[in-house]
Amino acid sequence: MAINKNHEFEELNGIKCAIVEKNVLQERIDFLKPLLEGNGYTVVVIPSPLPKTAATTTDATPDEVAATFTIGVTNLMFNPTNAIFGRLLRTKDGHIVTLSYWQQKEMVSNDGLPYYEN
């Protein structure tokens, strides 16, 4: 059980994982999976269950509801907040992963400037 909401654990495909993000779209997985694997983490991705409102709606079929996923890593020490603000993650070209890069607001990590100077 997690001590706080920011460090969640769950079994994904029978493997105990630290949760990175829940209810993400495929585009987000395409960004996070190579980033995390490039930093030495084993990534596990499973489809998220349909929300109760979408599952009970008679008008929407499962094909019409956007498929979302849960992404986790097998290293139970991993915490996304600590990894970002602790400057522990690197991009494939060696730059430090910043919060803006993690949130995909910037496509290049600007690790030279502190966040308060932007």
Protein backbone atom coordinates (compact mmCIF):
# COMPACT_ATOMS: atom_id res chain seq x y z
CA MET A 1 0.00 0.00 0.00
CA ALA A 2 1.25 3.46 -0.85
CA ILE A 3 2.17 5.87 1.94
CA ASN A 4 0.72 8.74 -0.04
CA LYS A 5 -1.23 9.24 -3.26
CA ASN A 6 1.92 10.18 -5.18
CA HIS A 7 3.52 6.75 -4.79
CA GLU A 8 1.02 4.12 -5.88
CA PHE A 9 1.58 0.40 -6.45
CA GLU A 10 -0.53 -2.06 -8.36
CA GLU A 11 -0.27 -5.46 -10.00
CA LEU A 12 -0.09 -5.10 -13.77
CA ASN A 13 -0.21 -8.38 -15.69
CA GLY A 14 0.67 -10.20 -12.47
CA ILE A 15 3.75 -8.05 -11.82
CA LYS A 16 3.94 -5.67 -8.84
CA CYS A 17 4.62 -2.21 -10.30
CA ALA A 18 5.03 1.38 -9.23
CA ILE A 19 2.36 3.33 -11.12
CA VAL A 20 3.67 6.07 -13.38
CA GLU A 21 0.34 7.31 -14.78
CA LYS A 22 -3.21 6.05 -15.13
CA ASN A 23 -5.82 6.60 -17.87
CA VAL A 24 -3.33 7.74 -20.49
CA LEU A 25 -3.81 7.63 -24.24
CA GLN A 26 -1.58 5.72 -26.64
CA GLU A 27 0.27 8.93 -27.62
CA ARG A 28 1.37 9.41 -24.00
CA ILE A 29 2.61 5.81 -23.83
CA ASP A 30 4.57 6.37 -27.04
CA PHE A 31 6.33 9.25 -25.25
CA LEU A 32 6.82 7.74 -21.77
CA LYS A 33 7.78 4.16 -22.60
CA PRO A 34 10.98 4.96 -24.55
CA LEU A 35 11.90 7.65 -22.02
CA LEU A 36 11.59 5.29 -19.05
CA GLU A 37 13.22 2.35 -20.84
CA GLY A 38 16.11 4.63 -21.84
CA ASN A 39 16.63 5.28 -18.14
CA GLY A 40 16.83 1.57 -17.36
CA TYR A 41 13.28 0.88 -16.17
CA THR A 42 11.17 -2.09 -17.24
CA VAL A 43 7.80 -0.70 -18.34
CA VAL A 44 4.48 -2.54 -18.07
CA VAL A 45 1.38 -1.22 -19.84
CA ILE A 46 -2.16 -2.56 -19.47
CA PRO A 47 -5.53 -1.30 -20.73
CA SER A 48 -7.44 0.68 -18.11
CA PRO A 49 -10.94 -0.51 -17.29
CA LEU A 50 -13.73 1.52 -18.87
CA PRO A 51 -15.13 4.24 -16.63
CA LYS A 52 -18.46 3.27 -15.08
CA THR A 53 -20.27 6.07 -16.92
CA ALA A 54 -18.95 4.91 -20.29
CA ALA A 55 -19.64 1.26 -19.53
CA THR A 56 -23.25 1.90 -18.55
CA THR A 57 -24.10 4.32 -21.35
CA THR A 58 -26.30 2.60 -23.92
CA ASP A 59 -25.36 4.97 -26.76
CA ALA A 60 -21.58 4.39 -26.57
CA THR A 61 -20.02 1.14 -27.67
CA PRO A 62 -16.59 0.11 -26.37
CA ASP A 63 -15.11 1.04 -29.77
CA GLU A 64 -16.37 4.63 -29.44
CA VAL A 65 -14.79 5.17 -26.02
CA ALA A 66 -11.13 6.21 -26.24
CA ALA A 67 -8.88 3.40 -25.06
CA THR A 68 -6.80 4.41 -22.06
CA PHE A 69 -3.96 2.61 -20.36
CA THR A 70 -2.15 2.32 -17.04
CA ILE A 71 1.62 2.53 -17.23
CA GLY A 72 3.94 1.30 -14.51
CA VAL A 73 7.53 0.25 -13.91
CA THR A 74 8.76 -2.85 -12.13
CA ASN A 75 11.15 -0.86 -9.92
CA LEU A 76 9.02 -0.22 -6.83
CA MET A 77 11.35 2.58 -5.71
CA PHE A 78 10.32 4.69 -8.72
CA ASN A 79 8.23 7.76 -7.97
CA PRO A 80 7.54 10.12 -10.91
CA THR A 81 7.54 13.24 -8.72
CA ASN A 82 10.87 12.39 -7.12
CA ALA A 83 12.38 11.37 -10.45
CA ILE A 84 11.48 14.69 -12.13
CA PHE A 85 12.26 17.11 -9.32
CA GLY A 86 15.25 15.07 -8.19
CA ARG A 87 16.61 15.40 -11.76
CA LEU A 88 17.06 11.63 -12.01
CA LEU A 89 15.76 11.07 -15.55
CA ARG A 90 17.63 11.84 -18.76
CA THR A 91 16.46 12.21 -22.34
CA LYS A 92 17.98 10.03 -25.04
CA ASP A 93 20.45 12.83 -25.86
CA GLY A 94 21.56 13.19 -22.22
CA HIS A 95 19.57 16.23 -21.08
CA ILE A 96 17.84 16.25 -17.71
CA VAL A 97 14.07 15.67 -17.93
CA THR A 98 12.27 18.78 -16.70
CA LEU A 99 8.64 19.06 -15.64
CA SER A 100 7.73 20.84 -18.90
CA TYR A 101 9.37 18.07 -20.91
CA TRP A 102 7.62 15.36 -18.85
CA GLN A 103 4.27 17.08 -19.40
CA GLN A 104 5.11 17.36 -23.12
CA LYS A 105 4.80 21.16 -23.06
CA GLU A 106 8.32 21.41 -24.50
CA MET A 107 9.76 18.92 -26.95
CA VAL A 108 13.35 19.77 -25.95
CA SER A 109 14.45 19.60 -22.33
CA ASN A 110 15.76 22.99 -21.24
CA ASP A 111 17.80 21.76 -18.31
CA GLY A 112 20.18 24.72 -18.22
CA LEU A 113 17.73 27.21 -16.72
CA PRO A 114 16.07 26.81 -13.34
CA TYR A 115 12.27 26.64 -13.51
CA TYR A 116 11.87 30.09 -11.89
CA GLU A 117 13.89 31.78 -14.66
CA ASN A 118 11.56 30.67 -17.46
